[in-house]
């Protein structure tokens, strides 16, 4: 009988945990010991930012989980090539939604999977970037989306 590789989700996201649970995976969660990226070089493409952030999250956990496959992801939202970043608070989230209102924008998720191979630093790396172009309907003045209420 083949031995199953342990899976570790390198994330603090409840949504990412929910996705893996609903897909039927057994996994452990380890919050990456690195801060969330706050900014990126202006000349770095949004897809490269998402991919790099996912890799560094996975790598930071894999350094302590020798026997596990480590999965990490990072999502960015870009309008006209400019990354919006994570909102600082509710007012910032509302400002971002107003920015997205009536615009075409891109939601990009970088995913990194580091597989164990018995050697601490030599792991097989799989990277994937998923892009979705969305058109946000114009928000009506005075109406808040459900997720902000």
N, C-alpha and C. Protein backbone atom coordinates (compact mmCIF):
# COMPACT_ATOMS: atom_id res chain seq x y z
N UNK A 1 0.84 -1.20 0.00
CA UNK A 1 0.00 0.00 0.00
C UNK A 1 0.88 1.25 0.00
N UNK A 2 0.60 2.17 -0.89
CA UNK A 2 1.39 3.39 -1.02
C UNK A 2 1.15 4.31 0.16
N UNK A 3 2.23 4.94 0.60
CA UNK A 3 2.13 5.89 1.69
C UNK A 3 1.62 7.23 1.16
N UNK A 4 0.71 7.86 1.89
CA UNK A 4 0.13 9.13 1.48
C UNK A 4 1.01 10.27 1.98
N UNK A 5 1.26 11.22 1.12
CA UNK A 5 2.02 12.41 1.50
C UNK A 5 1.13 13.35 2.28
N UNK A 6 1.63 13.83 3.40
CA UNK A 6 0.89 14.79 4.21
C UNK A 6 0.82 16.12 3.46
N UNK A 7 -0.34 16.77 3.50
CA UNK A 7 -0.55 18.06 2.85
C UNK A 7 -0.66 19.15 3.91
N UNK A 8 0.07 20.23 3.71
CA UNK A 8 0.01 21.39 4.60
C UNK A 8 -0.45 22.59 3.78
N UNK A 9 -1.48 23.26 4.25
CA UNK A 9 -1.94 24.51 3.64
C UNK A 9 -1.23 25.65 4.35
N UNK A 10 -0.44 26.40 3.62
CA UNK A 10 0.29 27.54 4.17
C UNK A 10 -0.59 28.78 3.98
N UNK A 11 -1.51 28.98 4.92
CA UNK A 11 -2.47 30.06 4.76
C UNK A 11 -3.20 30.34 6.07
N UNK A 12 -3.60 31.59 6.24
CA UNK A 12 -4.47 31.95 7.36
C UNK A 12 -5.90 32.18 6.87
N UNK A 13 -6.15 31.91 5.59
CA UNK A 13 -7.44 32.21 4.97
C UNK A 13 -8.50 31.15 5.28
N UNK A 14 -9.59 31.55 5.92
CA UNK A 14 -10.69 30.61 6.14
C UNK A 14 -11.28 30.11 4.83
N UNK A 15 -11.30 30.93 3.80
CA UNK A 15 -11.86 30.53 2.50
C UNK A 15 -11.01 29.43 1.85
N UNK A 16 -9.70 29.55 1.93
CA UNK A 16 -8.84 28.52 1.35
C UNK A 16 -9.01 27.19 2.10
N UNK A 17 -9.16 27.26 3.43
CA UNK A 17 -9.44 26.04 4.22
C UNK A 17 -10.76 25.42 3.77
N UNK A 18 -11.77 26.25 3.59
CA UNK A 18 -13.09 25.77 3.17
C UNK A 18 -13.02 25.08 1.81
N UNK A 19 -12.30 25.66 0.87
CA UNK A 19 -12.19 25.09 -0.47
C UNK A 19 -11.56 23.69 -0.41
N UNK A 20 -10.48 23.55 0.33
CA UNK A 20 -9.82 22.24 0.42
C UNK A 20 -10.69 21.23 1.16
N UNK A 21 -11.37 21.67 2.21
CA UNK A 21 -12.25 20.77 2.96
C UNK A 21 -13.39 20.28 2.08
N UNK A 22 -14.04 21.20 1.37
CA UNK A 22 -15.14 20.83 0.49
C UNK A 22 -14.69 19.92 -0.65
N UNK A 23 -13.41 20.03 -1.05
CA UNK A 23 -12.88 19.16 -2.11
C UNK A 23 -12.50 17.78 -1.56
N UNK A 24 -12.58 17.61 -0.23
CA UNK A 24 -12.33 16.31 0.36
C UNK A 24 -10.90 16.02 0.77
N UNK A 25 -10.06 17.04 0.82
CA UNK A 25 -8.67 16.84 1.20
C UNK A 25 -8.49 16.82 2.71
N UNK A 26 -7.58 15.97 3.18
CA UNK A 26 -7.14 15.99 4.57
C UNK A 26 -5.86 16.83 4.58
N UNK A 27 -5.77 17.79 5.48
CA UNK A 27 -4.61 18.68 5.48
C UNK A 27 -4.44 19.32 6.85
N UNK A 28 -3.24 19.79 7.09
CA UNK A 28 -2.94 20.60 8.27
C UNK A 28 -2.79 22.04 7.79
N UNK A 29 -2.98 22.97 8.70
CA UNK A 29 -2.83 24.39 8.38
C UNK A 29 -1.66 24.95 9.17
N UNK A 30 -0.78 25.63 8.48
CA UNK A 30 0.32 26.34 9.13
C UNK A 30 0.31 27.76 8.55
N UNK A 31 0.18 28.74 9.41
CA UNK A 31 0.19 30.13 8.96
C UNK A 31 1.63 30.49 8.61
N UNK A 32 1.86 31.00 7.40
CA UNK A 32 3.23 31.37 7.02
C UNK A 32 3.83 32.38 7.99
N UNK A 33 5.09 32.16 8.39
CA UNK A 33 5.71 33.06 9.36
C UNK A 33 6.30 34.32 8.72
N UNK A 34 5.73 34.74 7.60
CA UNK A 34 6.18 35.96 6.92
C UNK A 34 4.99 36.90 6.79
N UNK A 35 5.25 38.20 6.77
CA UNK A 35 4.12 39.14 6.64
C UNK A 35 3.52 39.10 5.24
N UNK A 36 2.24 39.46 5.16
CA UNK A 36 1.58 39.60 3.86
C UNK A 36 2.29 40.70 3.08
N UNK A 37 2.50 40.49 1.78
CA UNK A 37 3.14 41.54 0.99
C UNK A 37 2.27 42.80 0.97
N UNK A 38 2.89 43.94 1.19
CA UNK A 38 2.15 45.20 1.20
C UNK A 38 2.29 45.97 -0.10
N UNK A 39 3.42 45.78 -0.78
CA UNK A 39 3.61 46.48 -2.05
C UNK A 39 4.60 45.68 -2.88
N UNK A 40 4.63 45.98 -4.14
CA UNK A 40 5.54 45.31 -5.07
C UNK A 40 6.21 46.36 -5.93
N UNK A 41 7.32 46.01 -6.55
CA UNK A 41 7.96 46.97 -7.45
C UNK A 41 6.98 47.40 -8.54
N UNK A 42 7.00 48.67 -8.88
CA UNK A 42 6.05 49.23 -9.86
C UNK A 42 6.13 48.53 -11.22
N UNK A 43 7.30 48.02 -11.58
CA UNK A 43 7.44 47.39 -12.89
C UNK A 43 7.15 45.88 -12.87
N UNK A 44 6.71 45.36 -11.74
CA UNK A 44 6.42 43.93 -11.63
C UNK A 44 4.96 43.67 -12.02
N UNK A 45 4.75 42.75 -12.94
CA UNK A 45 3.40 42.43 -13.41
C UNK A 45 2.58 41.84 -12.27
N UNK A 46 1.27 42.14 -12.21
CA UNK A 46 0.42 41.60 -11.15
C UNK A 46 0.48 40.07 -11.05
N UNK A 47 0.55 39.36 -12.18
CA UNK A 47 0.63 37.90 -12.13
C UNK A 47 1.92 37.44 -11.46
N UNK A 48 3.01 38.14 -11.73
CA UNK A 48 4.29 37.80 -11.12
C UNK A 48 4.27 38.06 -9.61
N UNK A 49 3.55 39.11 -9.20
CA UNK A 49 3.41 39.41 -7.77
C UNK A 49 2.67 38.29 -7.06
N UNK A 50 1.56 37.85 -7.64
CA UNK A 50 0.77 36.77 -7.03
C UNK A 50 1.57 35.48 -6.97
N UNK A 51 2.26 35.17 -8.04
CA UNK A 51 3.07 33.95 -8.10
C UNK A 51 4.20 33.99 -7.07
N UNK A 52 4.90 35.10 -6.99
CA UNK A 52 6.01 35.22 -6.04
C UNK A 52 5.53 35.14 -4.60
N UNK A 53 4.44 35.82 -4.29
CA UNK A 53 3.90 35.79 -2.93
C UNK A 53 3.50 34.36 -2.54
N UNK A 54 2.86 33.64 -3.46
CA UNK A 54 2.48 32.25 -3.18
C UNK A 54 3.72 31.40 -2.93
N UNK A 55 4.75 31.58 -3.75
CA UNK A 55 5.98 30.81 -3.58
C UNK A 55 6.61 31.10 -2.23
N UNK A 56 6.76 32.36 -1.85
CA UNK A 56 7.42 32.68 -0.60
C UNK A 56 6.63 32.20 0.61
N UNK A 57 5.31 32.22 0.53
CA UNK A 57 4.49 31.65 1.61
C UNK A 57 4.75 30.15 1.74
N UNK A 58 4.72 29.45 0.60
CA UNK A 58 4.95 28.00 0.62
C UNK A 58 6.36 27.69 1.12
N UNK A 59 7.35 28.40 0.62
CA UNK A 59 8.74 28.15 1.00
C UNK A 59 8.94 28.38 2.50
N UNK A 60 8.33 29.43 3.06
CA UNK A 60 8.53 29.74 4.48
C UNK A 60 7.97 28.64 5.38
N UNK A 61 6.93 27.95 4.94
CA UNK A 61 6.37 26.84 5.72
C UNK A 61 7.12 25.55 5.42
N UNK A 62 7.48 25.33 4.16
CA UNK A 62 8.18 24.10 3.77
C UNK A 62 9.52 23.97 4.48
N UNK A 63 10.13 25.07 4.85
CA UNK A 63 11.40 25.01 5.57
C UNK A 63 11.28 24.29 6.90
N UNK A 64 10.05 24.19 7.42
CA UNK A 64 9.81 23.55 8.72
C UNK A 64 8.96 22.29 8.61
N UNK A 65 8.58 21.92 7.40
CA UNK A 65 7.71 20.76 7.17
C UNK A 65 8.35 19.84 6.13
N UNK A 66 9.44 19.19 6.52
CA UNK A 66 10.23 18.39 5.57
C UNK A 66 9.45 17.27 4.90
N UNK A 67 8.49 16.68 5.61
CA UNK A 67 7.82 15.49 5.10
C UNK A 67 6.50 15.78 4.40
N UNK A 68 6.17 17.05 4.19
CA UNK A 68 4.84 17.41 3.68
C UNK A 68 4.92 18.12 2.34
N UNK A 69 3.86 17.96 1.56
CA UNK A 69 3.65 18.81 0.40
C UNK A 69 3.02 20.09 0.95
N UNK A 70 3.54 21.22 0.54
CA UNK A 70 3.06 22.50 1.07
C UNK A 70 2.40 23.29 -0.06
N UNK A 71 1.16 23.69 0.18
CA UNK A 71 0.35 24.42 -0.78
C UNK A 71 0.10 25.83 -0.26
N UNK A 72 0.31 26.83 -1.12
CA UNK A 72 0.05 28.22 -0.75
C UNK A 72 -0.52 28.95 -1.95
N UNK A 73 -1.23 30.02 -1.69
CA UNK A 73 -1.81 30.84 -2.76
C UNK A 73 -1.82 32.29 -2.34
N UNK A 74 -1.85 33.16 -3.33
CA UNK A 74 -2.00 34.58 -3.06
C UNK A 74 -2.83 35.18 -4.19
N UNK A 75 -3.77 36.02 -3.83
CA UNK A 75 -4.67 36.64 -4.82
C UNK A 75 -4.48 38.14 -4.80
N UNK A 76 -4.41 38.72 -6.00
CA UNK A 76 -4.35 40.17 -6.13
C UNK A 76 -5.44 40.62 -7.09
N UNK A 77 -5.88 41.84 -6.92
CA UNK A 77 -6.86 42.46 -7.82
C UNK A 77 -6.15 43.65 -8.48
N UNK A 78 -6.24 43.71 -9.80
CA UNK A 78 -5.56 44.78 -10.53
C UNK A 78 -6.54 45.50 -11.45
N UNK A 79 -6.40 46.80 -11.49
CA UNK A 79 -7.17 47.65 -12.41
C UNK A 79 -6.15 48.42 -13.23
N UNK A 80 -6.19 48.22 -14.54
CA UNK A 80 -5.23 48.91 -15.41
C UNK A 80 -3.79 48.60 -15.07
N UNK A 81 -3.51 47.38 -14.61
CA UNK A 81 -2.14 46.99 -14.27
C UNK A 81 -1.70 47.41 -12.89
N UNK A 82 -2.55 48.13 -12.17
CA UNK A 82 -2.23 48.61 -10.81
C UNK A 82 -2.88 47.68 -9.79
N UNK A 83 -2.10 47.15 -8.87
CA UNK A 83 -2.61 46.25 -7.83
C UNK A 83 -3.25 47.08 -6.72
N UNK A 84 -4.46 46.70 -6.33
CA UNK A 84 -5.16 47.43 -5.29
C UNK A 84 -4.63 47.13 -3.89
N UNK A 85 -4.15 45.94 -3.65
CA UNK A 85 -3.68 45.58 -2.31
C UNK A 85 -4.84 45.18 -1.42
N UNK A 86 -4.51 44.88 -0.18
CA UNK A 86 -5.53 44.47 0.78
C UNK A 86 -6.04 45.72 1.50
N UNK A 87 -7.35 45.82 1.71
CA UNK A 87 -7.87 47.02 2.40
C UNK A 87 -7.38 47.07 3.85
N UNK A 88 -7.06 48.26 4.28
CA UNK A 88 -6.58 48.47 5.65
C UNK A 88 -7.72 48.39 6.66
N UNK A 89 -8.91 48.80 6.23
CA UNK A 89 -10.07 48.81 7.12
C UNK A 89 -11.33 48.89 6.27
N UNK A 90 -12.46 49.03 6.93
CA UNK A 90 -13.74 49.06 6.21
C UNK A 90 -13.84 50.25 5.25
N UNK A 91 -13.37 51.41 5.67
CA UNK A 91 -13.42 52.59 4.80
C UNK A 91 -12.56 52.38 3.55
N UNK A 92 -11.41 51.74 3.72
CA UNK A 92 -10.54 51.46 2.59
C UNK A 92 -11.20 50.43 1.66
N UNK A 93 -11.88 49.44 2.23
CA UNK A 93 -12.60 48.45 1.42
C UNK A 93 -13.69 49.13 0.60
N UNK A 94 -14.41 50.07 1.21
CA UNK A 94 -15.46 50.79 0.48
C UNK A 94 -14.86 51.64 -0.64
N UNK A 95 -13.70 52.25 -0.38
CA UNK A 95 -13.01 53.04 -1.41
C UNK A 95 -12.62 52.15 -2.58
N UNK A 96 -12.10 50.97 -2.27
CA UNK A 96 -11.70 50.04 -3.32
C UNK A 96 -12.89 49.59 -4.16
N UNK A 97 -14.01 49.32 -3.51
CA UNK A 97 -15.21 48.91 -4.24
C UNK A 97 -15.70 50.03 -5.15
N UNK A 98 -15.59 51.28 -4.69
CA UNK A 98 -15.96 52.41 -5.55
C UNK A 98 -15.03 52.48 -6.75
N UNK A 99 -13.73 52.19 -6.52
CA UNK A 99 -12.75 52.18 -7.61
C UNK A 99 -13.11 51.12 -8.64
N UNK A 100 -13.57 49.95 -8.17
CA UNK A 100 -13.91 48.85 -9.06
C UNK A 100 -15.27 49.03 -9.74
N UNK A 101 -16.11 49.88 -9.18
CA UNK A 101 -17.46 50.05 -9.68
C UNK A 101 -17.47 50.46 -11.15
N UNK A 102 -18.11 49.63 -11.98
CA UNK A 102 -18.24 49.92 -13.40
C UNK A 102 -16.96 49.72 -14.20
N UNK A 103 -15.95 49.06 -13.61
CA UNK A 103 -14.68 48.87 -14.32
C UNK A 103 -14.45 47.41 -14.69
N UNK A 104 -13.56 47.23 -15.63
CA UNK A 104 -13.06 45.89 -15.96
C UNK A 104 -11.77 45.74 -15.16
N UNK A 105 -11.70 44.68 -14.39
CA UNK A 105 -10.50 44.45 -13.58
C UNK A 105 -10.12 42.97 -13.62
N UNK A 106 -8.95 42.67 -13.13
CA UNK A 106 -8.42 41.31 -13.18
C UNK A 106 -8.19 40.81 -11.76
N UNK A 107 -8.67 39.59 -11.49
CA UNK A 107 -8.40 38.91 -10.23
C UNK A 107 -7.42 37.79 -10.55
N UNK A 108 -6.26 37.83 -9.93
CA UNK A 108 -5.19 36.90 -10.24
C UNK A 108 -4.81 36.12 -8.99
N UNK A 109 -4.79 34.81 -9.09
CA UNK A 109 -4.36 33.96 -7.99
C UNK A 109 -3.14 33.18 -8.41
N UNK A 110 -2.07 33.33 -7.65
CA UNK A 110 -0.87 32.53 -7.83
C UNK A 110 -0.93 31.37 -6.85
N UNK A 111 -0.62 30.17 -7.31
CA UNK A 111 -0.66 28.98 -6.47
C UNK A 111 0.71 28.31 -6.55
N UNK A 112 1.25 27.92 -5.39
CA UNK A 112 2.52 27.21 -5.34
C UNK A 112 2.34 25.92 -4.56
N UNK A 113 2.88 24.84 -5.09
CA UNK A 113 2.88 23.56 -4.40
C UNK A 113 4.31 23.06 -4.38
N UNK A 114 4.85 22.89 -3.18
CA UNK A 114 6.19 22.35 -3.01
C UNK A 114 6.06 20.92 -2.52
N UNK A 115 6.57 19.99 -3.30
CA UNK A 115 6.47 18.58 -2.95
C UNK A 115 7.72 18.15 -2.20
N UNK A 116 7.57 17.28 -1.20
CA UNK A 116 8.76 16.79 -0.49
C UNK A 116 9.49 15.75 -1.33
N UNK A 117 10.81 15.70 -1.15
CA UNK A 117 11.55 14.63 -1.82
C UNK A 117 12.64 14.09 -0.91
N UNK A 118 12.52 14.34 0.39
CA UNK A 118 13.47 13.79 1.34
C UNK A 118 14.69 14.65 1.59
N UNK A 119 14.87 15.70 0.80
CA UNK A 119 15.99 16.62 1.02
C UNK A 119 15.44 17.99 1.36
N UNK A 120 15.98 18.59 2.36
CA UNK A 120 15.41 19.82 2.92
C UNK A 120 15.17 20.92 1.89
N UNK A 121 16.10 21.24 1.05
CA UNK A 121 15.95 22.39 0.15
C UNK A 121 15.61 22.00 -1.28
N UNK A 122 15.76 20.74 -1.63
CA UNK A 122 15.52 20.31 -3.01
C UNK A 122 14.11 19.76 -3.14
N UNK A 123 13.16 20.59 -3.47
CA UNK A 123 11.77 20.18 -3.62
C UNK A 123 11.31 20.48 -5.03
N UNK A 124 10.38 19.67 -5.51
CA UNK A 124 9.80 19.95 -6.81
C UNK A 124 8.76 21.06 -6.63
N UNK A 125 8.83 22.05 -7.48
CA UNK A 125 7.95 23.21 -7.38
C UNK A 125 6.97 23.21 -8.54
N UNK A 126 5.71 23.42 -8.23
CA UNK A 126 4.67 23.59 -9.24
C UNK A 126 4.06 24.97 -9.02
N UNK A 127 4.05 25.78 -10.05
CA UNK A 127 3.45 27.11 -9.96
C UNK A 127 2.33 27.22 -10.99
N UNK A 128 1.27 27.91 -10.60
CA UNK A 128 0.13 28.11 -11.49
C UNK A 128 -0.42 29.51 -11.23
N UNK A 129 -0.77 30.20 -12.29
CA UNK A 129 -1.41 31.50 -12.16
C UNK A 129 -2.76 31.42 -12.87
N UNK A 130 -3.79 31.84 -12.17
CA UNK A 130 -5.14 31.85 -12.74
C UNK A 130 -5.60 33.30 -12.78
N UNK A 131 -6.00 33.75 -13.96
CA UNK A 131 -6.49 35.12 -14.12
C UNK A 131 -7.95 35.10 -14.54
N UNK A 132 -8.74 35.98 -13.96
CA UNK A 132 -10.14 36.16 -14.34
C UNK A 132 -10.35 37.65 -14.58
N UNK A 133 -10.90 37.97 -15.73
CA UNK A 133 -11.25 39.36 -16.03
C UNK A 133 -12.72 39.53 -15.66
N UNK A 134 -12.98 40.52 -14.84
CA UNK A 134 -14.34 40.75 -14.35
C UNK A 134 -14.79 42.16 -14.70
N UNK A 135 -16.07 42.29 -14.87
CA UNK A 135 -16.68 43.61 -15.04
C UNK A 135 -17.57 43.82 -13.84
N UNK A 136 -17.22 44.77 -13.02
CA UNK A 136 -17.97 45.05 -11.80
C UNK A 136 -19.10 45.99 -12.15
N UNK A 137 -20.32 45.59 -11.84
CA UNK A 137 -21.46 46.48 -12.10
C UNK A 137 -21.33 47.73 -11.25
N UNK A 138 -21.89 48.79 -11.75
CA UNK A 138 -21.79 50.06 -11.03
C UNK A 138 -22.56 49.97 -9.72
N UNK A 139 -21.88 50.35 -8.63
CA UNK A 139 -22.52 50.35 -7.32
C UNK A 139 -23.50 51.52 -7.25
N UNK A 140 -24.64 51.27 -6.68
CA UNK A 140 -25.60 52.34 -6.48
C UNK A 140 -25.20 53.13 -5.24
N UNK A 141 -25.25 54.42 -5.35
CA UNK A 141 -24.87 55.29 -4.23
C UNK A 141 -25.71 54.95 -2.99
N UNK A 142 -25.03 54.79 -1.86
CA UNK A 142 -25.73 54.50 -0.60
C UNK A 142 -25.99 53.02 -0.37
N UNK A 143 -25.73 52.15 -1.35
CA UNK A 143 -25.94 50.71 -1.17
C UNK A 143 -24.61 50.03 -0.98
N UNK A 144 -24.54 49.19 0.04
CA UNK A 144 -23.31 48.46 0.31
C UNK A 144 -23.48 47.00 -0.11
N UNK A 145 -22.42 46.42 -0.65
CA UNK A 145 -22.48 44.98 -0.94
C UNK A 145 -22.70 44.19 0.34
N UNK A 146 -23.33 43.02 0.22
CA UNK A 146 -23.64 42.17 1.38
C UNK A 146 -22.42 41.90 2.24
N UNK A 147 -21.26 41.65 1.62
CA UNK A 147 -20.10 41.25 2.40
C UNK A 147 -19.51 42.38 3.23
N UNK A 148 -19.95 43.64 3.03
CA UNK A 148 -19.50 44.73 3.87
C UNK A 148 -20.48 45.04 4.99
N UNK A 149 -21.65 44.45 4.95
CA UNK A 149 -22.66 44.76 5.96
C UNK A 149 -22.42 43.99 7.23
